[in-house]
Amino acid sequence: MVLEIIAPDKNVYSGTVNYIELPGINGLFGVLKDHAPLISALGKGSILITEEGGKELSFDIKGGVVEISNNKAVILAD
């Protein structure tokens, strides 16, 4: 799955990932390849990513929105 994390002033991350854990406004949720289309508001917390090679990354956000469709996730983050 392709992931892009975009902040107001720059592109924070772009790459292919196996798993994304997101801080939804009602709690954490995870996304894997072939996830159903989704648009969700994000709350304050950390985005946890597992890349294809197994490397794990974390990005702290204050909030935002995620759109998932056709094995692509775009996060607009504060």
N, C-alpha and C. Protein backbone atom coordinates (compact mmCIF):
# COMPACT_ATOMS: atom_id res chain seq x y z
N MET A 1 0.85 -1.16 0.00
CA MET A 1 0.00 0.00 0.00
C MET A 1 0.90 1.23 0.00
N VAL A 2 0.54 2.22 -0.79
CA VAL A 2 1.29 3.46 -0.87
C VAL A 2 0.76 4.43 0.18
N LEU A 3 1.68 5.08 0.90
CA LEU A 3 1.31 6.03 1.94
C LEU A 3 1.98 7.37 1.68
N GLU A 4 1.20 8.43 1.82
CA GLU A 4 1.72 9.79 1.80
C GLU A 4 1.24 10.50 3.06
N ILE A 5 2.16 11.15 3.76
CA ILE A 5 1.81 11.99 4.90
C ILE A 5 2.21 13.41 4.53
N ILE A 6 1.22 14.29 4.53
CA ILE A 6 1.43 15.66 4.10
C ILE A 6 1.08 16.61 5.23
N ALA A 7 2.04 17.47 5.59
CA ALA A 7 1.83 18.53 6.58
C ALA A 7 1.60 19.83 5.82
N PRO A 8 1.12 20.88 6.48
CA PRO A 8 0.85 22.14 5.78
C PRO A 8 2.08 22.73 5.08
N ASP A 9 3.26 22.47 5.60
CA ASP A 9 4.46 23.09 5.04
C ASP A 9 5.36 22.16 4.25
N LYS A 10 5.10 20.82 4.25
CA LYS A 10 5.98 19.90 3.53
C LYS A 10 5.38 18.51 3.44
N ASN A 11 5.94 17.69 2.55
CA ASN A 11 5.63 16.27 2.52
C ASN A 11 6.48 15.59 3.58
N VAL A 12 5.86 14.92 4.52
CA VAL A 12 6.57 14.31 5.63
C VAL A 12 7.06 12.91 5.28
N TYR A 13 6.25 12.15 4.54
CA TYR A 13 6.61 10.76 4.22
C TYR A 13 5.92 10.35 2.93
N SER A 14 6.63 9.54 2.15
CA SER A 14 6.05 8.92 0.96
C SER A 14 6.75 7.58 0.77
N GLY A 15 5.97 6.51 0.69
CA GLY A 15 6.58 5.19 0.52
C GLY A 15 5.55 4.09 0.50
N THR A 16 6.05 2.86 0.39
CA THR A 16 5.19 1.68 0.38
C THR A 16 5.27 1.02 1.75
N VAL A 17 4.10 0.73 2.32
CA VAL A 17 4.03 0.19 3.67
C VAL A 17 3.14 -1.06 3.73
N ASN A 18 3.35 -1.86 4.77
CA ASN A 18 2.51 -3.04 5.01
C ASN A 18 1.37 -2.75 5.97
N TYR A 19 1.60 -1.80 6.91
CA TYR A 19 0.62 -1.55 7.97
C TYR A 19 0.72 -0.11 8.44
N ILE A 20 -0.44 0.48 8.76
CA ILE A 20 -0.50 1.82 9.33
C ILE A 20 -1.43 1.76 10.54
N GLU A 21 -0.98 2.31 11.67
CA GLU A 21 -1.84 2.47 12.84
C GLU A 21 -2.07 3.95 13.04
N LEU A 22 -3.34 4.35 13.12
CA LEU A 22 -3.71 5.76 13.15
C LEU A 22 -4.49 6.12 14.40
N PRO A 23 -4.28 7.35 14.90
CA PRO A 23 -5.03 7.81 16.07
C PRO A 23 -6.36 8.46 15.66
N GLY A 24 -7.40 7.66 15.53
CA GLY A 24 -8.72 8.20 15.21
C GLY A 24 -9.26 9.02 16.37
N ILE A 25 -10.26 9.82 16.11
CA ILE A 25 -10.81 10.65 17.19
C ILE A 25 -11.53 9.80 18.24
N ASN A 26 -11.90 8.57 17.89
CA ASN A 26 -12.53 7.67 18.86
C ASN A 26 -11.64 6.50 19.25
N GLY A 27 -10.34 6.61 18.97
CA GLY A 27 -9.40 5.54 19.33
C GLY A 27 -8.54 5.12 18.16
N LEU A 28 -7.59 4.25 18.44
CA LEU A 28 -6.65 3.77 17.42
C LEU A 28 -7.34 2.81 16.45
N PHE A 29 -6.89 2.85 15.19
CA PHE A 29 -7.33 1.84 14.23
C PHE A 29 -6.20 1.54 13.26
N GLY A 30 -6.21 0.34 12.70
CA GLY A 30 -5.15 -0.10 11.80
C GLY A 30 -5.66 -0.29 10.39
N VAL A 31 -4.71 -0.18 9.44
CA VAL A 31 -5.04 -0.31 8.03
C VAL A 31 -4.01 -1.24 7.38
N LEU A 32 -4.51 -2.25 6.66
CA LEU A 32 -3.68 -3.16 5.88
C LEU A 32 -4.00 -3.03 4.40
N LYS A 33 -3.19 -3.68 3.56
CA LYS A 33 -3.43 -3.70 2.12
C LYS A 33 -4.86 -4.19 1.83
N ASP A 34 -5.46 -3.64 0.78
CA ASP A 34 -6.82 -3.99 0.33
C ASP A 34 -7.91 -3.56 1.31
N HIS A 35 -7.63 -2.56 2.15
CA HIS A 35 -8.63 -2.03 3.08
C HIS A 35 -9.76 -1.39 2.28
N ALA A 36 -10.96 -1.46 2.79
CA ALA A 36 -12.11 -0.80 2.17
C ALA A 36 -11.89 0.71 2.13
N PRO A 37 -12.45 1.40 1.14
CA PRO A 37 -12.31 2.87 1.10
C PRO A 37 -12.81 3.50 2.40
N LEU A 38 -12.09 4.55 2.82
CA LEU A 38 -12.36 5.15 4.12
C LEU A 38 -11.89 6.59 4.14
N ILE A 39 -12.66 7.45 4.77
CA ILE A 39 -12.23 8.81 5.11
C ILE A 39 -12.51 8.97 6.59
N SER A 40 -11.50 9.43 7.35
CA SER A 40 -11.67 9.54 8.80
C SER A 40 -10.91 10.74 9.34
N ALA A 41 -11.48 11.36 10.37
CA ALA A 41 -10.78 12.41 11.10
C ALA A 41 -9.78 11.75 12.05
N LEU A 42 -8.65 12.41 12.25
CA LEU A 42 -7.62 11.92 13.14
C LEU A 42 -7.47 12.85 14.33
N GLY A 43 -7.16 12.28 15.48
CA GLY A 43 -6.92 13.06 16.68
C GLY A 43 -5.43 13.17 16.98
N LYS A 44 -5.12 13.73 18.12
CA LYS A 44 -3.74 13.87 18.55
C LYS A 44 -3.18 12.50 18.89
N GLY A 45 -1.96 12.22 18.43
CA GLY A 45 -1.34 10.93 18.72
C GLY A 45 -0.22 10.63 17.76
N SER A 46 0.10 9.36 17.62
CA SER A 46 1.20 8.92 16.76
C SER A 46 0.68 8.04 15.63
N ILE A 47 1.23 8.27 14.44
CA ILE A 47 1.02 7.38 13.31
C ILE A 47 2.16 6.37 13.35
N LEU A 48 1.83 5.09 13.42
CA LEU A 48 2.83 4.04 13.42
C LEU A 48 2.79 3.32 12.08
N ILE A 49 3.96 3.16 11.47
CA ILE A 49 4.05 2.58 10.13
C ILE A 49 5.00 1.39 10.16
N THR A 50 4.63 0.32 9.48
CA THR A 50 5.54 -0.79 9.23
C THR A 50 5.78 -0.82 7.72
N GLU A 51 7.03 -0.55 7.32
CA GLU A 51 7.39 -0.54 5.91
C GLU A 51 7.51 -1.97 5.40
N GLU A 52 7.61 -2.12 4.06
CA GLU A 52 7.68 -3.45 3.46
C GLU A 52 8.84 -4.29 3.99
N GLY A 53 9.98 -3.67 4.27
CA GLY A 53 11.13 -4.40 4.79
C GLY A 53 11.06 -4.72 6.27
N GLY A 54 10.00 -4.28 6.95
CA GLY A 54 9.83 -4.54 8.37
C GLY A 54 10.24 -3.39 9.26
N LYS A 55 10.84 -2.34 8.69
CA LYS A 55 11.25 -1.18 9.48
C LYS A 55 10.01 -0.45 10.00
N GLU A 56 10.04 -0.06 11.28
CA GLU A 56 8.92 0.65 11.89
C GLU A 56 9.27 2.13 12.08
N LEU A 57 8.33 3.01 11.76
CA LEU A 57 8.50 4.44 11.90
C LEU A 57 7.31 5.01 12.66
N SER A 58 7.51 6.16 13.28
CA SER A 58 6.45 6.82 14.04
C SER A 58 6.48 8.32 13.75
N PHE A 59 5.30 8.91 13.59
CA PHE A 59 5.16 10.35 13.37
C PHE A 59 4.08 10.88 14.32
N ASP A 60 4.41 11.89 15.10
CA ASP A 60 3.45 12.51 16.01
C ASP A 60 2.64 13.57 15.27
N ILE A 61 1.32 13.57 15.50
CA ILE A 61 0.45 14.56 14.87
C ILE A 61 -0.48 15.17 15.92
N LYS A 62 -1.01 16.34 15.60
CA LYS A 62 -1.98 17.01 16.48
C LYS A 62 -3.41 16.77 16.01
N GLY A 63 -3.56 16.20 14.83
CA GLY A 63 -4.86 15.94 14.24
C GLY A 63 -4.73 15.90 12.73
N GLY A 64 -5.85 15.67 12.04
CA GLY A 64 -5.82 15.65 10.59
C GLY A 64 -6.93 14.80 10.01
N VAL A 65 -6.71 14.37 8.77
CA VAL A 65 -7.68 13.57 8.03
C VAL A 65 -6.92 12.51 7.23
N VAL A 66 -7.50 11.32 7.12
CA VAL A 66 -6.92 10.28 6.27
C VAL A 66 -7.95 9.85 5.24
N GLU A 67 -7.48 9.62 4.01
CA GLU A 67 -8.31 9.03 2.95
C GLU A 67 -7.61 7.79 2.46
N ILE A 68 -8.36 6.67 2.40
CA ILE A 68 -7.82 5.40 1.94
C ILE A 68 -8.68 4.92 0.79
N SER A 69 -8.02 4.62 -0.34
CA SER A 69 -8.74 4.14 -1.52
C SER A 69 -7.75 3.48 -2.47
N ASN A 70 -8.13 2.33 -3.01
CA ASN A 70 -7.32 1.62 -4.01
C ASN A 70 -5.87 1.43 -3.58
N ASN A 71 -5.66 0.94 -2.35
CA ASN A 71 -4.33 0.67 -1.81
C ASN A 71 -3.43 1.90 -1.76
N LYS A 72 -4.04 3.07 -1.57
CA LYS A 72 -3.30 4.31 -1.35
C LYS A 72 -3.91 5.02 -0.16
N ALA A 73 -3.06 5.45 0.76
CA ALA A 73 -3.50 6.22 1.92
C ALA A 73 -2.84 7.59 1.88
N VAL A 74 -3.65 8.62 2.01
CA VAL A 74 -3.15 9.99 2.06
C VAL A 74 -3.58 10.59 3.39
N ILE A 75 -2.59 11.04 4.17
CA ILE A 75 -2.86 11.65 5.46
C ILE A 75 -2.51 13.13 5.38
N LEU A 76 -3.49 13.97 5.66
CA LEU A 76 -3.25 15.42 5.77
C LEU A 76 -3.19 15.69 7.26
N ALA A 77 -1.99 16.00 7.76
CA ALA A 77 -1.76 16.07 9.21
C ALA A 77 -1.36 17.45 9.66
N ASP A 78 -1.74 17.76 10.89
CA ASP A 78 -1.30 19.01 11.55
C ASP A 78 -0.07 18.70 12.37
